[in-house]
Amino acid sequence: MTNTDTEPKTIAKDLVARAQSADIETVDTTFAELTTLRIGGRPAGVIKCLSPEALRWVVSELDATRTPLIVVGGGSNLVVGDGPQVSELVVVWATTPDSVENGSHAAVWNHGAAEGHSVTEGHNVTEGHVAMDKSTGLVRAYAGVEWDQLVAATVAAGLGGLECLSGIPGSVGATPVQNVGAYGAEVSQVLKRVQLYDREAKTWEWVQPEDLDLAYRYSNLKFTNRGVVTAVEFQLRTDGLSTALRFGELARRVGVTAEEATADARRPVAEVREAVLQLRAGKGMVLDPEDHDTWSAGSFFTNPIVEGEAARDAVIAAVRQRCGDEEADSMPVYSAGRSAVGDNADKGRTTTRSLCAPTSSESLEESPERSPEENPVERYKFSAAWLIERAGFSKGWHVEGNTVASLSTKHTLALTNRGGATSADIVKLARAVRNGVWEAFGVELEPEPIWLGATI
């Protein structure tokens, strides 16, 4: 049975007392303080873990008593309700520069060394939380490390592959779960393997990328609670150059011509990181406590993907009818690869919908699934931000009479808390934008954040 006889706060305090570890502590806080969107009520209880071994011990102890829990890192991809719906005990997974270095840390790093994945001694950064081998480009980081701290460290070491992902808030552990991406790069391109604590088997396990069903903003870790990410390994370039620069806005910023982009042009990693940070700051996508445009969950909607030329052409036709030939002919449409027969490529992605607009949002119906015998079809990706703007939602737009939640004044893809917003305010705004794009173009936007105690 689930442990309902004891209050989560009491459970948390008892665990910390029994642990007698400097790496485990209780925290009195709210979800508004734990998330970058700054909304959400007070959790039933919070335990902060500062090492993988501390996390493993806390999770295993809570599982033994069937206590519901959620693991939170940077809180940058969470939309949490304000009411008492969230009953789970929150386990915050974080590292700090002064966290205790002990045998458990060494055990985590050494796990896998016999498999040929050791990191050369002497290349550790931030007291064992990040380990880098500059000669091979192998990088290993605890899941609780702040993501941009890791990116900055790799760039400073002259390693390439993460620089396009600079400035993204959150923790390292979330990046393979969401297959984080930006400016033409994705974590999947440099991911070597992920260490999980298997909650059922009670063991550490290194998982290969091919076992994660990685796709656009998706992995099979996203909707399962079986494994908790404790460490991540990346394989980076050692020549000091960036990943190939194909994303137009970034390529232009660092002086890459169209001809160079087709030839996989690269630039020094430090130059690319600086350009990315400038671009993100210009869109309110670099956290700043004084800037309400950064009080968000980042890009709120994923770029929608449709399958087949007919679906692509239907969207273009809808744009042409509403916005005219010039907009339809210049709208950004990208290849998203081909659908794979019998794989999991569609999981967690935008559902392909009938493009005949319904009379109400409740009448949306999913398209029939393809049988495994059908041939793969081409996928096409549209810009969510572009569609939102053409549907009539400008920067700073808000629901009439509700100014505490609005689109960012710098970027239409970010839903922001202007101060004092509740989850209901964010939900109302998200629904207005989603329904407006559907009514305009027959495309349903899917929210990227994880929802807890609230739903769109």
Protein backbone atom coordinates (compact mmCIF):
# COMPACT_ATOMS: atom_id res chain seq x y z
CA MET A 1 0.00 0.00 0.00
CA THR A 2 1.01 3.60 -0.54
CA ASN A 3 2.29 5.29 2.58
CA THR A 4 -0.62 7.58 3.52
CA ASP A 5 -0.48 7.30 7.31
CA THR A 6 2.49 9.61 7.70
CA GLU A 7 2.79 13.18 6.45
CA PRO A 8 5.41 13.60 3.68
CA LYS A 9 7.17 16.33 5.69
CA THR A 10 7.52 13.92 8.59
CA ILE A 11 8.79 11.21 6.26
CA ALA A 12 11.36 13.65 4.86
CA LYS A 13 12.62 14.69 8.29
CA ASP A 14 12.84 11.08 9.46
CA LEU A 15 14.83 10.11 6.37
CA VAL A 16 17.31 12.93 6.84
CA ALA A 17 17.73 12.05 10.51
CA ARG A 18 18.41 8.40 9.68
CA ALA A 19 20.77 9.24 6.83
CA GLN A 20 23.10 11.40 8.93
CA SER A 21 24.69 12.61 5.69
CA ALA A 22 25.76 16.09 4.69
CA ASP A 23 24.51 15.22 1.20
CA ILE A 24 20.86 14.89 2.30
CA GLU A 25 18.76 17.70 3.75
CA THR A 26 15.15 18.84 4.03
CA VAL A 27 14.09 22.09 2.40
CA ASP A 28 11.12 24.33 3.16
CA THR A 29 10.18 25.81 -0.20
CA THR A 30 7.49 26.19 -2.86
CA PHE A 31 7.24 25.08 -6.46
CA ALA A 32 7.33 28.77 -7.36
CA GLU A 33 10.87 28.79 -5.94
CA LEU A 34 11.80 25.46 -7.53
CA THR A 35 10.72 26.28 -11.10
CA THR A 36 11.81 28.91 -13.62
CA LEU A 37 8.17 29.72 -14.43
CA ARG A 38 7.80 30.69 -10.76
CA ILE A 39 4.35 29.22 -10.22
CA GLY A 40 3.09 26.38 -8.07
CA GLY A 41 2.08 25.77 -4.49
CA ARG A 42 3.95 24.30 -1.55
CA PRO A 43 5.07 20.67 -2.00
CA ALA A 44 4.01 18.09 0.56
CA GLY A 45 7.67 17.69 1.46
CA VAL A 46 11.10 18.28 -0.06
CA ILE A 47 14.39 16.42 0.31
CA LYS A 48 17.52 17.78 -1.35
CA CYS A 49 20.21 15.32 -2.47
CA LEU A 50 23.73 16.49 -3.28
CA SER A 51 25.29 13.27 -4.60
CA PRO A 52 24.22 10.26 -6.68
CA GLU A 53 24.56 7.95 -3.70
CA ALA A 54 22.37 10.25 -1.61
CA LEU A 55 19.77 10.27 -4.37
CA ARG A 56 19.87 6.48 -4.67
CA TRP A 57 19.45 6.01 -0.92
CA VAL A 58 16.56 8.46 -0.61
CA VAL A 59 14.68 7.09 -3.63
CA SER A 60 15.13 3.48 -2.50
CA GLU A 61 13.94 4.29 1.03
CA LEU A 62 10.86 6.10 -0.27
CA ASP A 63 10.10 3.28 -2.70
CA ALA A 64 10.35 0.75 0.12
CA THR A 65 7.45 2.50 1.87
CA ARG A 66 5.52 3.12 -1.37
CA THR A 67 5.78 6.87 -0.86
CA PRO A 68 4.93 8.75 -4.10
CA LEU A 69 7.80 10.96 -5.24
CA ILE A 70 9.01 13.11 -8.07
CA VAL A 71 12.62 14.03 -8.85
CA VAL A 72 13.25 17.66 -9.80
CA GLY A 73 16.46 19.18 -11.15
CA GLY A 74 16.51 22.76 -12.39
CA GLY A 75 12.72 23.02 -12.64
CA SER A 76 12.99 24.69 -16.05
CA ASN A 77 10.54 22.38 -17.82
CA LEU A 78 7.76 22.12 -15.23
CA VAL A 79 4.28 23.62 -15.03
CA VAL A 80 2.93 22.96 -11.53
CA GLY A 81 -0.54 23.52 -10.14
CA ASP A 82 -1.17 25.90 -7.26
CA GLY A 83 -3.59 23.74 -5.32
CA PRO A 84 -3.11 20.66 -3.15
CA GLN A 85 -3.22 18.25 -6.11
CA VAL A 86 0.53 17.59 -5.87
CA SER A 87 0.85 15.10 -3.03
CA GLU A 88 4.17 13.54 -4.02
CA LEU A 89 7.27 14.09 -1.95
CA VAL A 90 9.73 16.15 -3.99
CA VAL A 91 13.32 14.96 -4.28
CA VAL A 92 15.56 17.76 -5.54
CA TRP A 93 18.68 16.48 -7.30
CA ALA A 94 21.40 19.10 -7.22
CA THR A 95 25.14 19.48 -6.81
CA THR A 96 27.04 22.34 -5.25
CA PRO A 97 30.72 23.27 -5.52
CA ASP A 98 31.18 22.54 -1.81
CA SER A 99 29.30 19.21 -1.65
CA VAL A 100 31.19 16.45 0.17
CA GLU A 101 33.67 14.42 -1.85
CA ASN A 102 33.51 10.83 -0.65
CA GLY A 103 33.83 7.23 -1.70
CA SER A 104 30.40 7.11 -3.28
CA HIS A 105 31.45 9.74 -5.82
CA ALA A 106 34.45 7.70 -6.84
CA ALA A 107 32.30 4.60 -7.13
CA VAL A 108 29.97 6.36 -9.55
CA TRP A 109 32.83 7.57 -11.72
CA ASN A 110 34.56 4.19 -11.66
CA HIS A 111 31.41 2.31 -12.61
CA GLY A 112 32.05 1.49 -16.25
CA ALA A 113 35.80 2.05 -16.20
CA ALA A 114 36.33 -1.62 -16.93
CA GLU A 115 34.24 -1.17 -20.07
CA GLY A 116 36.75 1.24 -21.55
CA HIS A 117 34.95 4.41 -20.54
CA SER A 118 37.35 5.75 -17.92
CA VAL A 119 38.07 9.46 -17.73
CA THR A 120 41.76 10.26 -17.48
CA GLU A 121 42.72 11.34 -13.97
CA GLY A 122 43.70 14.96 -13.64
CA HIS A 123 40.99 16.41 -15.87
CA ASN A 124 38.28 16.78 -13.20
CA VAL A 125 36.32 20.01 -13.01
CA THR A 126 34.33 21.35 -10.01
CA GLU A 127 35.55 18.78 -7.50
CA GLY A 128 34.40 15.61 -9.18
CA HIS A 129 30.98 16.78 -10.39
CA VAL A 130 32.27 17.01 -13.95
CA ALA A 131 35.13 14.95 -15.36
CA MET A 132 36.66 15.66 -18.78
CA ASP A 133 39.36 14.00 -20.82
CA LYS A 134 40.64 16.64 -23.22
CA SER A 135 42.62 14.09 -25.22
CA THR A 136 39.60 11.93 -26.09
CA GLY A 137 36.72 14.38 -25.68
CA LEU A 138 34.94 12.13 -23.17
CA VAL A 139 32.92 14.16 -20.65
CA ARG A 140 31.01 12.78 -17.67
CA ALA A 141 28.79 14.85 -15.38
CA TYR A 142 26.49 14.24 -12.46
CA ALA A 143 22.85 14.68 -13.41
CA GLY A 144 22.44 17.41 -10.78
CA VAL A 145 25.05 19.72 -12.32
CA GLU A 146 23.67 22.93 -13.78
CA TRP A 147 23.58 22.42 -17.54
CA ASP A 148 25.15 25.70 -18.58
CA GLN A 149 27.93 25.19 -16.03
CA LEU A 150 28.84 22.03 -17.93
CA VAL A 151 28.62 23.74 -21.31
CA ALA A 152 30.87 26.56 -20.13
CA ALA A 153 33.41 24.06 -18.77
CA THR A 154 33.57 22.12 -22.04
CA VAL A 155 33.97 25.29 -24.08
CA ALA A 156 36.74 26.51 -21.76
CA ALA A 157 38.47 23.16 -22.31
CA GLY A 158 38.23 23.56 -26.09
CA LEU A 159 35.78 20.69 -26.55
CA GLY A 160 33.08 21.01 -29.19
CA GLY A 161 29.53 19.72 -29.36
CA LEU A 162 27.58 21.47 -26.60
CA GLU A 163 28.20 25.12 -27.48
CA CYS A 164 24.94 25.52 -29.47
CA LEU A 165 23.07 24.48 -26.33
CA SER A 166 24.52 27.32 -24.25
CA GLY A 167 22.26 29.26 -21.91
CA ILE A 168 19.58 26.58 -21.59
CA PRO A 169 18.39 26.47 -17.97
CA GLY A 170 18.07 23.26 -16.01
CA SER A 171 20.25 20.34 -15.03
CA VAL A 172 22.40 17.85 -16.94
CA GLY A 173 20.09 14.96 -16.06
CA ALA A 174 17.15 16.48 -17.91
CA THR A 175 18.98 16.84 -21.22
CA PRO A 176 18.81 13.22 -22.42
CA VAL A 177 15.29 12.84 -21.00
CA GLN A 178 14.03 15.67 -23.21
CA ASN A 179 16.69 15.31 -25.91
CA VAL A 180 17.33 19.02 -25.47
CA GLY A 181 18.11 20.93 -28.63
CA ALA A 182 18.62 24.43 -30.01
CA TYR A 183 20.10 26.17 -33.04
CA GLY A 184 20.36 22.99 -35.10
CA ALA A 185 21.98 20.84 -32.40
CA GLU A 186 20.57 18.12 -30.14
CA VAL A 187 21.96 16.25 -27.16
CA SER A 188 21.44 13.00 -29.08
CA GLN A 189 24.23 14.03 -31.48
CA VAL A 190 26.89 13.85 -28.76
CA LEU A 191 25.32 11.57 -26.15
CA LYS A 192 27.49 8.56 -25.31
CA ARG A 193 25.47 6.94 -22.54
CA VAL A 194 23.27 7.66 -19.52
CA GLN A 195 23.62 6.28 -16.02
CA LEU A 196 20.33 5.38 -14.33
CA TYR A 197 19.38 4.16 -10.93
CA ASP A 198 16.86 1.42 -11.72
CA ARG A 199 14.13 1.73 -9.08
CA GLU A 200 12.83 -1.79 -9.67
CA ALA A 201 16.12 -3.66 -9.84
CA LYS A 202 17.78 -1.39 -7.22
CA THR A 203 20.92 -1.20 -9.35
CA TRP A 204 23.04 1.30 -11.28
CA GLU A 205 22.84 0.87 -15.04
CA TRP A 206 24.54 2.54 -18.00
CA VAL A 207 22.12 2.85 -20.93
CA GLN A 208 23.17 3.39 -24.55
CA PRO A 209 21.55 6.11 -26.72
CA GLU A 210 20.04 3.54 -29.07
CA ASP A 211 18.03 2.17 -26.15
CA LEU A 212 16.41 5.53 -25.39
CA ASP A 213 14.29 5.93 -28.56
CA LEU A 214 15.65 9.45 -28.95
CA ALA A 215 13.58 11.73 -31.16
CA TYR A 216 12.64 15.41 -31.38
CA ARG A 217 12.34 16.58 -27.73
CA TYR A 218 11.71 12.98 -26.67
CA SER A 219 13.24 9.92 -25.07
CA ASN A 220 11.57 6.91 -23.51
CA LEU A 221 12.75 8.22 -20.13
CA LYS A 222 10.31 11.12 -20.37
CA PHE A 223 7.19 9.25 -19.34
CA THR A 224 8.52 6.51 -17.08
CA ASN A 225 9.48 6.61 -13.43
CA ARG A 226 11.46 3.40 -13.43
CA GLY A 227 14.89 4.98 -13.81
CA VAL A 228 16.38 8.12 -12.27
CA VAL A 229 19.22 9.72 -14.24
CA THR A 230 22.32 10.03 -12.05
CA ALA A 231 25.09 10.80 -14.56
CA VAL A 232 25.51 11.46 -18.27
CA GLU A 233 28.44 10.94 -20.65
CA PHE A 234 29.08 12.91 -23.81
CA GLN A 235 31.55 12.36 -26.65
CA LEU A 236 32.80 15.74 -27.84
CA ARG A 237 35.19 17.06 -30.49
CA THR A 238 38.76 17.78 -29.45
CA ASP A 239 39.77 20.22 -32.23
CA GLY A 240 38.27 23.30 -30.59
CA LEU A 241 35.64 23.68 -33.31
CA SER A 242 31.89 23.71 -33.00
CA THR A 243 29.35 21.28 -34.33
CA ALA A 244 28.33 21.94 -37.95
CA LEU A 245 26.51 25.28 -38.18
CA ARG A 246 23.41 24.84 -40.32
CA PHE A 247 20.87 26.92 -38.39
CA GLY A 248 20.48 30.12 -40.39
CA GLU A 249 20.16 32.67 -37.58
CA LEU A 250 23.21 31.38 -35.71
CA ALA A 251 25.24 30.78 -38.86
CA ARG A 252 24.72 34.37 -39.99
CA ARG A 253 25.64 35.68 -36.54
CA VAL A 254 29.09 34.05 -36.75
CA GLY A 255 29.61 34.92 -40.42
CA VAL A 256 28.88 31.57 -42.05
CA THR A 257 27.73 31.95 -45.64
CA ALA A 258 24.99 29.83 -47.20
CA GLU A 259 27.62 27.99 -49.22
CA GLU A 260 29.68 27.27 -46.11
CA ALA A 261 26.62 26.01 -44.24
CA THR A 262 26.00 23.33 -46.84
CA ALA A 263 29.60 22.20 -46.36
CA ASP A 264 29.25 21.76 -42.58
CA ALA A 265 31.04 24.97 -41.61
CA ARG A 266 32.40 25.16 -38.06
CA ARG A 267 33.71 27.95 -35.89
CA PRO A 268 35.72 28.11 -32.61
CA VAL A 269 33.53 26.90 -29.76
CA ALA A 270 33.98 30.05 -27.65
CA GLU A 271 32.83 32.23 -30.55
CA VAL A 272 29.74 30.10 -31.11
CA ARG A 273 28.85 30.00 -27.41
CA GLU A 274 29.02 33.78 -27.18
CA ALA A 275 26.82 34.14 -30.26
CA VAL A 276 24.25 31.69 -28.87
CA LEU A 277 24.12 33.50 -25.52
CA GLN A 278 23.57 36.80 -27.32
CA LEU A 279 20.76 35.35 -29.43
CA ARG A 280 19.09 33.73 -26.44
CA ALA A 281 19.38 36.87 -24.32
CA GLY A 282 17.73 38.84 -27.11
CA LYS A 283 14.77 36.47 -26.87
CA GLY A 284 14.58 36.48 -23.08
CA MET A 285 15.87 32.92 -22.97
CA VAL A 286 18.74 33.44 -20.52
CA LEU A 287 17.60 33.47 -16.90
CA ASP A 288 17.57 36.91 -15.30
CA PRO A 289 15.65 37.41 -12.04
CA GLU A 290 15.02 41.05 -12.96
CA ASP A 291 13.57 40.24 -16.40
CA HIS A 292 10.03 38.84 -16.41
CA ASP A 293 10.54 37.64 -19.98
CA THR A 294 12.80 34.97 -18.49
CA TRP A 295 10.18 33.84 -15.96
CA SER A 296 9.15 31.02 -18.24
CA ALA A 297 9.52 27.35 -19.03
CA GLY A 298 11.53 28.18 -22.14
CA SER A 299 10.01 27.30 -25.50
CA PHE A 300 6.51 26.30 -24.41
CA PHE A 301 5.41 24.48 -27.56
CA THR A 302 7.38 22.05 -29.68
CA ASN A 303 7.69 22.67 -33.39
CA PRO A 304 4.83 20.68 -34.95
CA ILE A 305 5.65 17.78 -37.25
CA VAL A 306 3.32 16.41 -39.91
CA GLU A 307 3.74 13.30 -42.03
CA GLY A 308 3.59 13.23 -45.80
CA GLU A 309 3.45 15.84 -48.53
CA ALA A 310 -0.34 16.05 -48.42
CA ALA A 311 -0.30 17.10 -44.75
CA ARG A 312 2.52 19.57 -45.42
CA ASP A 313 0.67 21.08 -48.39
CA ALA A 314 -2.55 21.36 -46.37
CA VAL A 315 -0.78 23.51 -43.79
CA ILE A 316 0.78 25.67 -46.49
CA ALA A 317 -2.64 26.06 -48.14
CA ALA A 318 -4.17 27.16 -44.84
CA VAL A 319 -1.40 29.74 -44.43
CA ARG A 320 -1.92 30.92 -48.00
CA GLN A 321 -5.64 31.37 -47.43
CA ARG A 322 -5.16 33.33 -44.21
CA CYS A 323 -1.93 35.23 -44.81
CA GLY A 324 -1.48 35.41 -48.58
CA ASP A 325 0.96 34.07 -51.15
CA GLU A 326 4.05 35.90 -49.93
CA GLU A 327 3.81 34.46 -46.42
CA ALA A 328 2.95 30.98 -47.67
CA ASP A 329 5.85 30.93 -50.10
CA SER A 330 8.36 32.11 -47.50
CA MET A 331 7.18 30.17 -44.43
CA PRO A 332 9.91 27.99 -42.88
CA VAL A 333 9.41 24.27 -43.49
CA TYR A 334 12.10 21.77 -42.53
CA SER A 335 12.64 18.12 -43.26
CA ALA A 336 12.21 16.05 -40.08
CA GLY A 337 13.43 12.81 -41.61
CA ARG A 338 11.41 9.77 -42.52
CA SER A 339 9.10 7.87 -40.21
CA ALA A 340 10.59 4.51 -39.23
CA VAL A 341 8.44 1.42 -39.54
CA GLY A 342 7.92 -0.37 -36.24
CA ASP A 343 10.00 2.05 -34.16
CA ASN A 344 9.04 4.52 -31.46
CA ALA A 345 9.78 7.64 -33.45
CA ASP A 346 6.30 9.07 -33.01
CA LYS A 347 6.22 8.80 -29.21
CA GLY A 348 6.10 12.16 -27.50
CA ARG A 349 5.95 14.03 -30.77
CA THR A 350 3.24 16.24 -32.15
CA THR A 351 0.26 14.10 -33.05
CA THR A 352 -0.65 14.33 -36.72
CA ARG A 353 -4.26 15.51 -36.81
CA SER A 354 -6.91 15.74 -39.47
CA LEU A 355 -6.36 19.10 -41.12
CA CYS A 356 -10.07 19.75 -41.54
CA ALA A 357 -10.64 22.29 -38.78
CA PRO A 358 -13.21 21.10 -36.23
CA THR A 359 -16.03 23.25 -34.89
CA SER A 360 -14.50 23.12 -31.40
CA SER A 361 -11.30 22.03 -29.72
CA GLU A 362 -13.14 19.10 -28.14
CA SER A 363 -13.75 17.51 -31.54
CA LEU A 364 -10.10 16.90 -32.33
CA GLU A 365 -9.53 13.35 -33.51
CA GLU A 366 -6.24 11.56 -33.93
CA SER A 367 -5.38 10.24 -37.37
CA PRO A 368 -5.39 6.45 -37.70
CA GLU A 369 -2.06 4.83 -36.90
CA ARG A 370 -0.13 3.34 -39.80
CA SER A 371 0.29 -0.38 -39.90
CA PRO A 372 3.87 -1.69 -39.61
CA GLU A 373 3.65 -2.88 -43.23
CA GLU A 374 3.29 0.62 -44.63
CA ASN A 375 6.33 2.33 -46.09
CA PRO A 376 8.01 5.13 -44.15
CA VAL A 377 6.89 8.61 -45.13
CA GLU A 378 8.65 11.93 -45.11
CA ARG A 379 8.11 14.16 -42.09
CA TYR A 380 7.98 17.95 -42.20
CA LYS A 381 8.55 20.34 -39.31
CA PHE A 382 7.07 23.82 -39.00
CA SER A 383 8.13 26.69 -36.77
CA ALA A 384 5.75 26.96 -33.83
CA ALA A 385 6.77 30.57 -33.21
CA TRP A 386 6.08 31.49 -36.86
CA LEU A 387 2.62 29.89 -36.77
CA ILE A 388 1.78 31.56 -33.45
CA GLU A 389 2.63 34.99 -34.82
CA ARG A 390 0.68 34.45 -38.08
CA ALA A 391 -2.30 33.25 -36.07
CA GLY A 392 -2.49 36.72 -34.54
CA PHE A 393 -0.50 36.35 -31.33
CA SER A 394 2.15 39.05 -31.14
CA LYS A 395 4.96 39.42 -28.62
CA GLY A 396 3.52 40.40 -25.25
CA TRP A 397 0.01 39.14 -26.10
CA HIS A 398 -2.19 38.21 -23.15
CA VAL A 399 -5.73 37.03 -22.59
CA GLU A 400 -8.03 40.03 -22.26
CA GLY A 401 -8.24 41.17 -18.67
CA ASN A 402 -5.38 38.94 -17.56
CA THR A 403 -2.02 40.71 -17.65
CA VAL A 404 -0.14 38.58 -15.11
CA ALA A 405 0.59 35.94 -17.77
CA SER A 406 1.58 36.81 -21.33
CA LEU A 407 3.72 35.82 -24.25
CA SER A 408 7.24 37.12 -23.85
CA THR A 409 7.81 40.62 -25.18
CA LYS A 410 10.90 39.21 -26.90
CA HIS A 411 9.80 35.79 -28.18
CA THR A 412 6.31 34.48 -28.95
CA LEU A 413 7.22 30.89 -28.10
CA ALA A 414 7.71 31.65 -24.40
CA LEU A 415 4.76 31.93 -22.01
CA THR A 416 5.79 34.14 -19.11
CA ASN A 417 4.83 35.01 -15.57
CA ARG A 418 4.72 38.80 -15.32
CA GLY A 419 4.55 38.58 -11.53
CA GLY A 420 1.86 36.94 -9.45
CA ALA A 421 0.62 34.54 -12.13
CA THR A 422 -0.95 31.24 -11.12
CA SER A 423 -1.02 27.94 -12.97
CA ALA A 424 -4.60 28.76 -14.03
CA ASP A 425 -3.33 31.95 -15.70
CA ILE A 426 -0.67 30.02 -17.62
CA VAL A 427 -3.17 27.32 -18.62
CA LYS A 428 -5.63 29.93 -19.91
CA LEU A 429 -2.90 31.58 -21.97
CA ALA A 430 -1.61 28.28 -23.33
CA ARG A 431 -5.08 27.16 -24.37
CA ALA A 432 -5.77 30.44 -26.13
CA VAL A 433 -2.58 30.16 -28.18
CA ARG A 434 -2.99 26.46 -28.94
CA ASN A 435 -6.63 26.83 -29.99
CA GLY A 436 -5.88 29.93 -32.04
CA VAL A 437 -3.20 28.17 -34.09
CA TRP A 438 -5.49 25.19 -34.60
CA GLU A 439 -8.36 27.38 -35.81
CA ALA A 440 -6.06 29.34 -38.13
CA PHE A 441 -4.02 26.55 -39.70
CA GLY A 442 -5.34 23.15 -38.59
CA VAL A 443 -2.14 22.46 -36.66
CA GLU A 444 -2.27 21.45 -33.01
CA LEU A 445 0.64 22.63 -30.90
CA GLU A 446 1.92 20.31 -28.19
CA PRO A 447 3.32 21.77 -24.96
CA GLU A 448 6.92 20.86 -24.23
CA PRO A 449 6.93 21.15 -20.40
CA ILE A 450 5.92 18.39 -18.01
CA TRP A 451 2.66 19.09 -16.19
CA LEU A 452 2.17 18.37 -12.51
CA GLY A 453 -1.15 19.04 -10.80
CA ALA A 454 -2.32 21.02 -13.84
CA THR A 455 -3.20 20.31 -17.46
CA ILE A 456 -3.73 22.21 -20.66
